[in-house]
Each structure stands twice: as structure tokens, then as C-alpha cells.
């Protein structure tokens, strides 16, 4: 499998900071009722749990070619779609993403978004048999993701 573009949507620093503060606070709460060692263990387990939870909530956005000559696919989290099935690609700045998630949102759209990522790509689905009108995908590099997907449409022409 050849990877053309890959990005994990890691949370912003403030999310990690809040998670760490909550984990440490959980450990401190146990100090009066238990030993210091137990409270420290609770804090460490809570920190580890916070890291694992935030990692689970951080999907990977990829443009891949599963097999040579198979064409490119967009993978957003667990969902995949062939790039050849996509039409117009619109990189979205923070203001555009806000509109796309608000008044312009179609309830049928496929969403792979994270609140801690302010930009994204809106990819129209060109297949008329597909009920999903477009994909809205969070990415910190919308122009680069769109360019990776456009390369497929140029090759397919």
C-alpha cells in the first residue's frame, strides 16, 4: 500500500493540558483517603487512560493507493471512498469550515470532523447512486489534502 498523504488529527495542546489536569486531580483526590502511593498510581492510570482515550478520538486521514494501479482512496477514520468517485474539492479555512458545519451543512453528508481542528476539506461525491452528497473532513493541511486527491482526478482524465 502506497501512502500519498497521511495525518492523524491529534488534539490541540489545550485538550492534552486539560486531560492531564483532570488525571492529576483525580490522583490528588485520593490522597486524604488512601496512601500516597495509591493516589500516585491512580494519577498514573488516569494519565494513561486519558492518553489512550484521546488517541482513540484522533482519527487518521489518508490518501492511499491500496494496490499498484488500483487508484487512490480517501480514508477518513474508518470510512473509505475512491478518489475517482469524488467531484469538486474545496479546501476550507476556519471561516469556511464554520459555515460548512453550520448553515451550509447537509444532514446526509459524511462527517469526519474534530472540534480542535479548525480547517478542512469539502469533497463532493460525484457518484449519483450514492446518497451522501459530500464528505466534510477535518485536516490541518486542507490544500495539501485536496491536492493529493486532485492528482487522482488528473490521472483518471
N, C-alpha and C. Protein backbone atom coordinates (compact mmCIF):
# COMPACT_ATOMS: atom_id res chain seq x y z
N UNK A 1 0.85 -1.18 0.00
CA UNK A 1 0.00 0.00 0.00
C UNK A 1 0.90 1.24 0.00
N UNK A 2 0.62 2.14 -0.93
CA UNK A 2 1.38 3.39 -1.04
C UNK A 2 0.56 4.51 -0.41
N UNK A 3 1.18 5.27 0.48
CA UNK A 3 0.51 6.38 1.14
C UNK A 3 0.97 7.69 0.50
N UNK A 4 0.00 8.45 -0.02
CA UNK A 4 0.29 9.73 -0.66
C UNK A 4 0.20 10.86 0.36
N UNK A 5 -0.73 10.74 1.29
CA UNK A 5 -0.95 11.77 2.32
C UNK A 5 -1.43 11.06 3.57
N UNK A 6 -0.93 11.50 4.72
CA UNK A 6 -1.39 10.91 5.98
C UNK A 6 -1.28 11.95 7.09
N UNK A 7 -2.31 11.99 7.92
CA UNK A 7 -2.34 12.93 9.04
C UNK A 7 -3.23 12.37 10.14
N UNK A 8 -2.71 12.33 11.35
CA UNK A 8 -3.55 11.97 12.50
C UNK A 8 -4.06 13.27 13.10
N UNK A 9 -5.35 13.32 13.38
CA UNK A 9 -5.97 14.52 13.91
C UNK A 9 -5.82 14.58 15.43
N UNK A 10 -4.58 14.74 15.85
CA UNK A 10 -4.29 14.83 17.29
C UNK A 10 -4.97 16.05 17.90
N UNK A 11 -5.39 15.94 19.14
CA UNK A 11 -5.99 17.10 19.81
C UNK A 11 -4.98 18.24 19.96
N UNK A 12 -5.51 19.43 20.10
CA UNK A 12 -4.68 20.60 20.34
C UNK A 12 -4.05 20.51 21.74
N UNK A 13 -3.04 21.32 21.97
CA UNK A 13 -2.31 21.29 23.25
C UNK A 13 -3.24 21.54 24.44
N UNK A 14 -4.22 22.42 24.28
CA UNK A 14 -5.10 22.72 25.40
C UNK A 14 -5.93 21.50 25.81
N UNK A 15 -6.27 20.62 24.88
CA UNK A 15 -7.03 19.41 25.21
C UNK A 15 -6.16 18.47 26.04
N UNK A 16 -4.90 18.31 25.62
CA UNK A 16 -3.98 17.47 26.38
C UNK A 16 -3.76 18.04 27.78
N UNK A 17 -3.63 19.37 27.88
CA UNK A 17 -3.42 20.01 29.18
C UNK A 17 -4.59 19.77 30.11
N UNK A 18 -5.81 19.96 29.59
CA UNK A 18 -6.99 19.71 30.42
C UNK A 18 -7.08 18.24 30.83
N UNK A 19 -6.80 17.34 29.91
CA UNK A 19 -6.82 15.92 30.25
C UNK A 19 -5.82 15.57 31.34
N UNK A 20 -4.62 16.13 31.24
CA UNK A 20 -3.59 15.87 32.26
C UNK A 20 -4.00 16.46 33.61
N UNK A 21 -4.58 17.66 33.59
CA UNK A 21 -5.02 18.27 34.85
C UNK A 21 -6.12 17.46 35.52
N UNK A 22 -7.05 16.95 34.74
CA UNK A 22 -8.12 16.12 35.31
C UNK A 22 -7.53 14.83 35.89
N UNK A 23 -6.58 14.22 35.19
CA UNK A 23 -5.97 12.98 35.68
C UNK A 23 -5.20 13.22 36.98
N UNK A 24 -4.43 14.29 37.02
CA UNK A 24 -3.68 14.61 38.25
C UNK A 24 -4.63 14.92 39.39
N UNK A 25 -5.69 15.67 39.10
CA UNK A 25 -6.68 15.99 40.13
C UNK A 25 -7.32 14.73 40.69
N UNK A 26 -7.59 13.77 39.83
CA UNK A 26 -8.16 12.50 40.27
C UNK A 26 -7.22 11.81 41.25
N UNK A 27 -5.92 11.84 40.96
CA UNK A 27 -4.95 11.25 41.88
C UNK A 27 -4.90 12.00 43.20
N UNK A 28 -4.93 13.33 43.16
CA UNK A 28 -4.87 14.15 44.38
C UNK A 28 -6.08 13.91 45.27
N UNK A 29 -7.23 13.68 44.68
CA UNK A 29 -8.46 13.44 45.45
C UNK A 29 -8.31 12.23 46.37
N UNK A 30 -7.52 11.24 45.97
CA UNK A 30 -7.36 10.03 46.76
C UNK A 30 -6.36 10.18 47.90
N UNK A 31 -5.58 11.24 47.95
CA UNK A 31 -4.54 11.39 48.98
C UNK A 31 -5.11 11.35 50.40
N UNK A 32 -6.15 12.10 50.74
CA UNK A 32 -6.64 12.05 52.13
C UNK A 32 -7.20 10.69 52.55
N UNK A 33 -7.74 9.93 51.63
CA UNK A 33 -8.41 8.67 51.98
C UNK A 33 -7.50 7.45 51.89
N UNK A 34 -6.40 7.56 51.17
CA UNK A 34 -5.54 6.40 50.95
C UNK A 34 -4.07 6.80 51.12
N UNK A 35 -3.21 5.88 50.78
CA UNK A 35 -1.78 6.19 50.85
C UNK A 35 -1.35 7.04 49.66
N UNK A 36 -0.22 7.67 49.81
CA UNK A 36 0.32 8.50 48.73
C UNK A 36 0.65 7.64 47.52
N UNK A 37 1.13 6.42 47.74
CA UNK A 37 1.45 5.51 46.64
C UNK A 37 0.23 5.14 45.82
N UNK A 38 -0.88 4.86 46.51
CA UNK A 38 -2.12 4.52 45.80
C UNK A 38 -2.62 5.72 45.00
N UNK A 39 -2.57 6.90 45.62
CA UNK A 39 -3.02 8.11 44.93
C UNK A 39 -2.16 8.36 43.69
N UNK A 40 -0.85 8.13 43.80
CA UNK A 40 0.04 8.32 42.65
C UNK A 40 -0.30 7.30 41.56
N UNK A 41 -0.59 6.07 41.96
CA UNK A 41 -0.95 5.04 40.99
C UNK A 41 -2.24 5.40 40.26
N UNK A 42 -3.22 5.92 40.99
CA UNK A 42 -4.47 6.36 40.37
C UNK A 42 -4.19 7.47 39.37
N UNK A 43 -3.34 8.42 39.74
CA UNK A 43 -2.99 9.51 38.84
C UNK A 43 -2.32 9.01 37.57
N UNK A 44 -1.38 8.05 37.71
CA UNK A 44 -0.68 7.50 36.55
C UNK A 44 -1.65 6.74 35.64
N UNK A 45 -2.51 5.93 36.23
CA UNK A 45 -3.50 5.19 35.44
C UNK A 45 -4.45 6.16 34.73
N UNK A 46 -4.85 7.22 35.43
CA UNK A 46 -5.73 8.22 34.82
C UNK A 46 -5.01 8.93 33.66
N UNK A 47 -3.73 9.24 33.82
CA UNK A 47 -2.97 9.86 32.74
C UNK A 47 -2.89 8.94 31.53
N UNK A 48 -2.59 7.67 31.80
CA UNK A 48 -2.51 6.69 30.71
C UNK A 48 -3.87 6.54 30.02
N UNK A 49 -4.93 6.46 30.81
CA UNK A 49 -6.27 6.35 30.25
C UNK A 49 -6.64 7.57 29.42
N UNK A 50 -6.24 8.75 29.89
CA UNK A 50 -6.50 9.98 29.13
C UNK A 50 -5.78 9.94 27.79
N UNK A 51 -4.52 9.53 27.80
CA UNK A 51 -3.76 9.43 26.55
C UNK A 51 -4.43 8.46 25.59
N UNK A 52 -4.80 7.28 26.08
CA UNK A 52 -5.43 6.28 25.22
C UNK A 52 -6.77 6.75 24.67
N UNK A 53 -7.54 7.42 25.50
CA UNK A 53 -8.84 7.94 25.06
C UNK A 53 -8.67 9.01 23.98
N UNK A 54 -7.74 9.94 24.20
CA UNK A 54 -7.52 10.99 23.20
C UNK A 54 -6.94 10.41 21.91
N UNK A 55 -6.13 9.38 22.03
CA UNK A 55 -5.61 8.73 20.82
C UNK A 55 -6.76 8.06 20.04
N UNK A 56 -7.67 7.43 20.76
CA UNK A 56 -8.82 6.78 20.14
C UNK A 56 -9.71 7.79 19.42
N UNK A 57 -9.81 8.99 19.97
CA UNK A 57 -10.64 10.05 19.40
C UNK A 57 -9.92 10.81 18.29
N UNK A 58 -8.72 10.38 17.91
CA UNK A 58 -7.92 11.08 16.90
C UNK A 58 -7.82 10.24 15.64
N UNK A 59 -8.75 10.38 14.71
CA UNK A 59 -8.73 9.55 13.51
C UNK A 59 -7.56 9.92 12.59
N UNK A 60 -7.26 8.99 11.69
CA UNK A 60 -6.24 9.24 10.68
C UNK A 60 -6.94 9.56 9.37
N UNK A 61 -6.47 10.61 8.71
CA UNK A 61 -6.95 10.98 7.38
C UNK A 61 -5.82 10.64 6.42
N UNK A 62 -6.15 9.81 5.41
CA UNK A 62 -5.12 9.34 4.48
C UNK A 62 -5.63 9.39 3.05
N UNK A 63 -4.67 9.52 2.14
CA UNK A 63 -4.91 9.26 0.72
C UNK A 63 -3.93 8.14 0.39
N UNK A 64 -4.49 6.98 0.02
CA UNK A 64 -3.66 5.80 -0.20
C UNK A 64 -3.98 5.14 -1.54
N UNK A 65 -3.01 4.38 -2.02
CA UNK A 65 -3.22 3.51 -3.17
C UNK A 65 -3.06 2.09 -2.63
N UNK A 66 -4.18 1.36 -2.41
CA UNK A 66 -4.11 0.04 -1.76
C UNK A 66 -3.22 -0.95 -2.52
N UNK A 67 -3.32 -0.93 -3.85
CA UNK A 67 -2.52 -1.82 -4.71
C UNK A 67 -2.05 -1.01 -5.90
N UNK A 68 -0.91 -1.36 -6.48
CA UNK A 68 -0.46 -0.63 -7.67
C UNK A 68 -1.51 -0.66 -8.77
N UNK A 69 -1.82 0.52 -9.28
CA UNK A 69 -2.80 0.64 -10.36
C UNK A 69 -4.25 0.64 -9.90
N UNK A 70 -4.50 0.53 -8.61
CA UNK A 70 -5.88 0.47 -8.09
C UNK A 70 -6.50 1.85 -7.93
N UNK A 71 -5.72 2.89 -8.10
CA UNK A 71 -6.24 4.24 -7.90
C UNK A 71 -6.15 4.65 -6.45
N UNK A 72 -6.33 5.94 -6.22
CA UNK A 72 -6.22 6.48 -4.86
C UNK A 72 -7.56 6.41 -4.15
N UNK A 73 -7.49 6.28 -2.83
CA UNK A 73 -8.66 6.27 -1.97
C UNK A 73 -8.48 7.30 -0.87
N UNK A 74 -9.57 7.94 -0.49
CA UNK A 74 -9.58 8.81 0.68
C UNK A 74 -10.07 7.97 1.85
N UNK A 75 -9.29 7.95 2.91
CA UNK A 75 -9.69 7.26 4.13
C UNK A 75 -9.75 8.29 5.24
N UNK A 76 -10.92 8.42 5.85
CA UNK A 76 -11.11 9.36 6.95
C UNK A 76 -11.66 8.57 8.13
N UNK A 77 -10.80 8.28 9.07
CA UNK A 77 -11.18 7.39 10.16
C UNK A 77 -11.33 5.98 9.61
N UNK A 78 -12.48 5.36 9.83
CA UNK A 78 -12.73 4.00 9.34
C UNK A 78 -13.36 3.98 7.95
N UNK A 79 -13.86 5.11 7.48
CA UNK A 79 -14.56 5.17 6.20
C UNK A 79 -13.58 5.40 5.05
N UNK A 80 -13.93 4.83 3.88
CA UNK A 80 -13.09 4.98 2.68
C UNK A 80 -13.96 5.25 1.47
N UNK A 81 -13.40 5.99 0.54
CA UNK A 81 -14.09 6.25 -0.73
C UNK A 81 -13.01 6.41 -1.81
N UNK A 82 -13.25 5.86 -3.00
CA UNK A 82 -12.26 6.04 -4.06
C UNK A 82 -12.21 7.51 -4.50
N UNK A 83 -11.03 8.01 -4.71
CA UNK A 83 -10.88 9.41 -5.14
C UNK A 83 -11.56 9.63 -6.48
N UNK A 84 -11.67 8.58 -7.29
CA UNK A 84 -12.34 8.72 -8.58
C UNK A 84 -13.83 8.99 -8.43
N UNK A 85 -14.41 8.70 -7.26
CA UNK A 85 -15.83 8.95 -7.01
C UNK A 85 -16.08 10.36 -6.48
N UNK A 86 -15.01 11.13 -6.31
CA UNK A 86 -15.15 12.48 -5.78
C UNK A 86 -15.18 13.50 -6.90
N UNK A 87 -15.95 14.55 -6.70
CA UNK A 87 -16.03 15.64 -7.67
C UNK A 87 -15.21 16.83 -7.18
N UNK A 88 -15.87 17.96 -7.01
CA UNK A 88 -15.18 19.18 -6.59
C UNK A 88 -14.61 19.02 -5.18
N UNK A 89 -13.42 19.57 -5.00
CA UNK A 89 -12.73 19.55 -3.71
C UNK A 89 -12.52 20.99 -3.27
N UNK A 90 -13.00 21.31 -2.09
CA UNK A 90 -12.90 22.68 -1.60
C UNK A 90 -12.15 22.73 -0.27
N UNK A 91 -10.90 23.23 -0.29
CA UNK A 91 -10.19 23.44 0.98
C UNK A 91 -10.91 24.55 1.77
N UNK A 92 -11.09 24.34 3.06
CA UNK A 92 -11.84 25.28 3.89
C UNK A 92 -10.95 25.89 4.95
N UNK A 93 -10.93 27.22 5.01
CA UNK A 93 -10.24 27.92 6.10
C UNK A 93 -11.18 27.90 7.32
N UNK A 94 -10.75 28.45 8.47
CA UNK A 94 -11.64 28.39 9.65
C UNK A 94 -13.03 28.99 9.42
N UNK A 95 -13.11 30.10 8.70
CA UNK A 95 -14.42 30.71 8.44
C UNK A 95 -15.26 29.82 7.54
N UNK A 96 -14.65 29.24 6.51
CA UNK A 96 -15.37 28.34 5.61
C UNK A 96 -15.84 27.08 6.31
N UNK A 97 -15.00 26.57 7.21
CA UNK A 97 -15.37 25.37 7.97
C UNK A 97 -16.55 25.66 8.89
N UNK A 98 -16.55 26.85 9.47
CA UNK A 98 -17.65 27.24 10.36
C UNK A 98 -18.98 27.29 9.59
N UNK A 99 -18.95 27.84 8.39
CA UNK A 99 -20.16 27.89 7.56
C UNK A 99 -20.57 26.48 7.14
N UNK A 100 -19.56 25.65 6.75
CA UNK A 100 -19.85 24.28 6.30
C UNK A 100 -20.47 23.44 7.41
N UNK A 101 -20.10 23.72 8.65
CA UNK A 101 -20.65 22.98 9.79
C UNK A 101 -21.95 23.59 10.33
N UNK A 102 -22.26 24.79 9.86
CA UNK A 102 -23.45 25.48 10.36
C UNK A 102 -24.54 25.54 9.31
N UNK A 103 -24.76 26.73 8.76
CA UNK A 103 -25.90 26.91 7.86
C UNK A 103 -25.82 26.12 6.56
N UNK A 104 -24.61 25.76 6.11
CA UNK A 104 -24.48 25.05 4.83
C UNK A 104 -24.46 23.52 5.00
N UNK A 105 -24.58 23.02 6.22
CA UNK A 105 -24.46 21.59 6.46
C UNK A 105 -25.68 20.83 5.94
N UNK A 106 -25.41 19.76 5.21
CA UNK A 106 -26.46 18.85 4.74
C UNK A 106 -26.43 17.65 5.69
N UNK A 107 -27.55 17.29 6.24
CA UNK A 107 -27.63 16.20 7.22
C UNK A 107 -27.19 14.86 6.63
N UNK A 108 -27.19 14.73 5.31
CA UNK A 108 -26.79 13.47 4.68
C UNK A 108 -25.28 13.36 4.47
N UNK A 109 -24.55 14.43 4.73
CA UNK A 109 -23.10 14.45 4.48
C UNK A 109 -22.38 13.48 5.41
N UNK A 110 -21.26 12.95 4.92
CA UNK A 110 -20.40 12.12 5.76
C UNK A 110 -19.42 13.05 6.46
N UNK A 111 -19.37 12.98 7.78
CA UNK A 111 -18.52 13.87 8.56
C UNK A 111 -17.41 13.09 9.26
N UNK A 112 -16.21 13.57 9.13
CA UNK A 112 -15.08 13.12 9.95
C UNK A 112 -14.42 14.39 10.44
N UNK A 113 -14.98 14.93 11.51
CA UNK A 113 -14.54 16.24 11.99
C UNK A 113 -14.13 16.15 13.45
N UNK A 114 -13.24 17.04 13.82
CA UNK A 114 -12.82 17.18 15.21
C UNK A 114 -12.83 18.67 15.55
N UNK A 115 -13.41 19.00 16.68
CA UNK A 115 -13.54 20.39 17.09
C UNK A 115 -12.23 21.11 17.30
N UNK A 116 -11.17 20.37 17.56
CA UNK A 116 -9.88 21.00 17.78
C UNK A 116 -9.11 21.25 16.49
N UNK A 117 -9.69 20.92 15.35
CA UNK A 117 -9.07 21.20 14.04
C UNK A 117 -10.00 22.19 13.32
N UNK A 118 -9.50 23.40 13.08
CA UNK A 118 -10.35 24.47 12.58
C UNK A 118 -10.55 24.47 11.07
N UNK A 119 -9.74 23.72 10.32
CA UNK A 119 -9.82 23.74 8.86
C UNK A 119 -10.20 22.37 8.34
N UNK A 120 -10.55 22.30 7.04
CA UNK A 120 -10.95 21.02 6.48
C UNK A 120 -11.09 21.05 4.98
N UNK A 121 -11.63 19.96 4.44
CA UNK A 121 -11.88 19.83 3.02
C UNK A 121 -13.32 19.34 2.84
N UNK A 122 -14.01 19.96 1.88
CA UNK A 122 -15.34 19.51 1.49
C UNK A 122 -15.19 18.84 0.13
N UNK A 123 -15.47 17.54 0.07
CA UNK A 123 -15.29 16.76 -1.15
C UNK A 123 -16.65 16.29 -1.65
N UNK A 124 -17.07 16.83 -2.78
CA UNK A 124 -18.35 16.43 -3.38
C UNK A 124 -18.26 14.98 -3.83
N UNK A 125 -19.34 14.23 -3.67
CA UNK A 125 -19.41 12.86 -4.16
C UNK A 125 -20.06 12.91 -5.54
N UNK A 126 -19.30 12.47 -6.56
CA UNK A 126 -19.76 12.56 -7.95
C UNK A 126 -20.69 11.41 -8.34
N UNK A 127 -20.67 10.32 -7.60
CA UNK A 127 -21.50 9.16 -7.91
C UNK A 127 -22.95 9.47 -7.55
N UNK A 128 -23.82 9.54 -8.54
CA UNK A 128 -25.22 9.90 -8.30
C UNK A 128 -25.99 8.81 -7.56
N UNK A 129 -25.47 7.59 -7.54
CA UNK A 129 -26.13 6.50 -6.81
C UNK A 129 -25.88 6.58 -5.31
N UNK A 130 -24.88 7.34 -4.93
CA UNK A 130 -24.53 7.48 -3.51
C UNK A 130 -25.45 8.52 -2.88
N UNK A 131 -26.04 8.18 -1.75
CA UNK A 131 -26.95 9.10 -1.07
C UNK A 131 -26.21 10.24 -0.37
N UNK A 132 -24.91 10.05 -0.14
CA UNK A 132 -24.11 11.05 0.55
C UNK A 132 -23.69 12.12 -0.47
N UNK A 133 -24.09 13.38 -0.24
CA UNK A 133 -23.76 14.42 -1.23
C UNK A 133 -22.29 14.86 -1.19
N UNK A 134 -21.68 14.81 -0.02
CA UNK A 134 -20.28 15.21 0.10
C UNK A 134 -19.70 14.69 1.41
N UNK A 135 -18.37 14.70 1.46
CA UNK A 135 -17.64 14.39 2.69
C UNK A 135 -17.08 15.69 3.23
N UNK A 136 -17.17 15.89 4.52
CA UNK A 136 -16.55 17.02 5.20
C UNK A 136 -15.54 16.43 6.17
N UNK A 137 -14.26 16.72 5.90
CA UNK A 137 -13.17 16.09 6.64
C UNK A 137 -12.28 17.16 7.28
N UNK A 138 -12.07 17.06 8.58
CA UNK A 138 -11.13 17.95 9.25
C UNK A 138 -9.71 17.60 8.84
N UNK A 139 -8.90 18.63 8.63
CA UNK A 139 -7.48 18.46 8.34
C UNK A 139 -6.77 19.76 8.64
N UNK A 140 -5.55 19.66 9.12
CA UNK A 140 -4.75 20.86 9.38
C UNK A 140 -4.07 21.36 8.10
N UNK A 141 -4.13 20.56 7.04
CA UNK A 141 -3.49 20.92 5.77
C UNK A 141 -4.48 20.74 4.62
N UNK A 142 -5.53 21.57 4.57
CA UNK A 142 -6.59 21.35 3.58
C UNK A 142 -6.11 21.44 2.12
N UNK A 143 -5.23 22.36 1.82
CA UNK A 143 -4.76 22.48 0.43
C UNK A 143 -3.95 21.26 0.02
N UNK A 144 -3.14 20.76 0.93
CA UNK A 144 -2.32 19.59 0.62
C UNK A 144 -3.18 18.34 0.43
N UNK A 145 -4.19 18.16 1.29
CA UNK A 145 -5.09 17.02 1.14
C UNK A 145 -5.85 17.11 -0.18
N UNK A 146 -6.38 18.29 -0.50
CA UNK A 146 -7.11 18.46 -1.75
C UNK A 146 -6.20 18.21 -2.95
N UNK A 147 -4.97 18.68 -2.89
CA UNK A 147 -4.02 18.46 -4.00
C UNK A 147 -3.72 16.98 -4.18
N UNK A 148 -3.62 16.24 -3.08
CA UNK A 148 -3.38 14.79 -3.16
C UNK A 148 -4.54 14.09 -3.85
N UNK A 149 -5.75 14.51 -3.57
CA UNK A 149 -6.93 13.91 -4.19
C UNK A 149 -7.11 14.37 -5.63
N UNK A 150 -6.75 15.61 -5.93
CA UNK A 150 -6.85 16.12 -7.30
C UNK A 150 -5.89 15.40 -8.23
N UNK A 151 -4.76 14.96 -7.70
CA UNK A 151 -3.80 14.22 -8.52
C UNK A 151 -4.47 13.00 -9.14
N UNK A 152 -5.37 12.35 -8.41
CA UNK A 152 -6.09 11.18 -8.92
C UNK A 152 -7.03 11.58 -10.05
N UNK A 153 -7.75 12.68 -9.87
CA UNK A 153 -8.71 13.08 -10.91
C UNK A 153 -7.98 13.50 -12.18
N UNK A 154 -6.77 14.06 -12.04
CA UNK A 154 -6.00 14.42 -13.23
C UNK A 154 -5.48 13.17 -13.94
N UNK A 155 -5.09 12.14 -13.15
CA UNK A 155 -4.60 10.90 -13.74
C UNK A 155 -5.74 10.16 -14.45
N UNK A 156 -6.94 10.22 -13.85
CA UNK A 156 -8.08 9.49 -14.40
C UNK A 156 -8.64 10.13 -15.66
N UNK A 157 -8.32 11.40 -15.93
CA UNK A 157 -8.87 12.10 -17.11
C UNK A 157 -8.19 11.67 -18.38
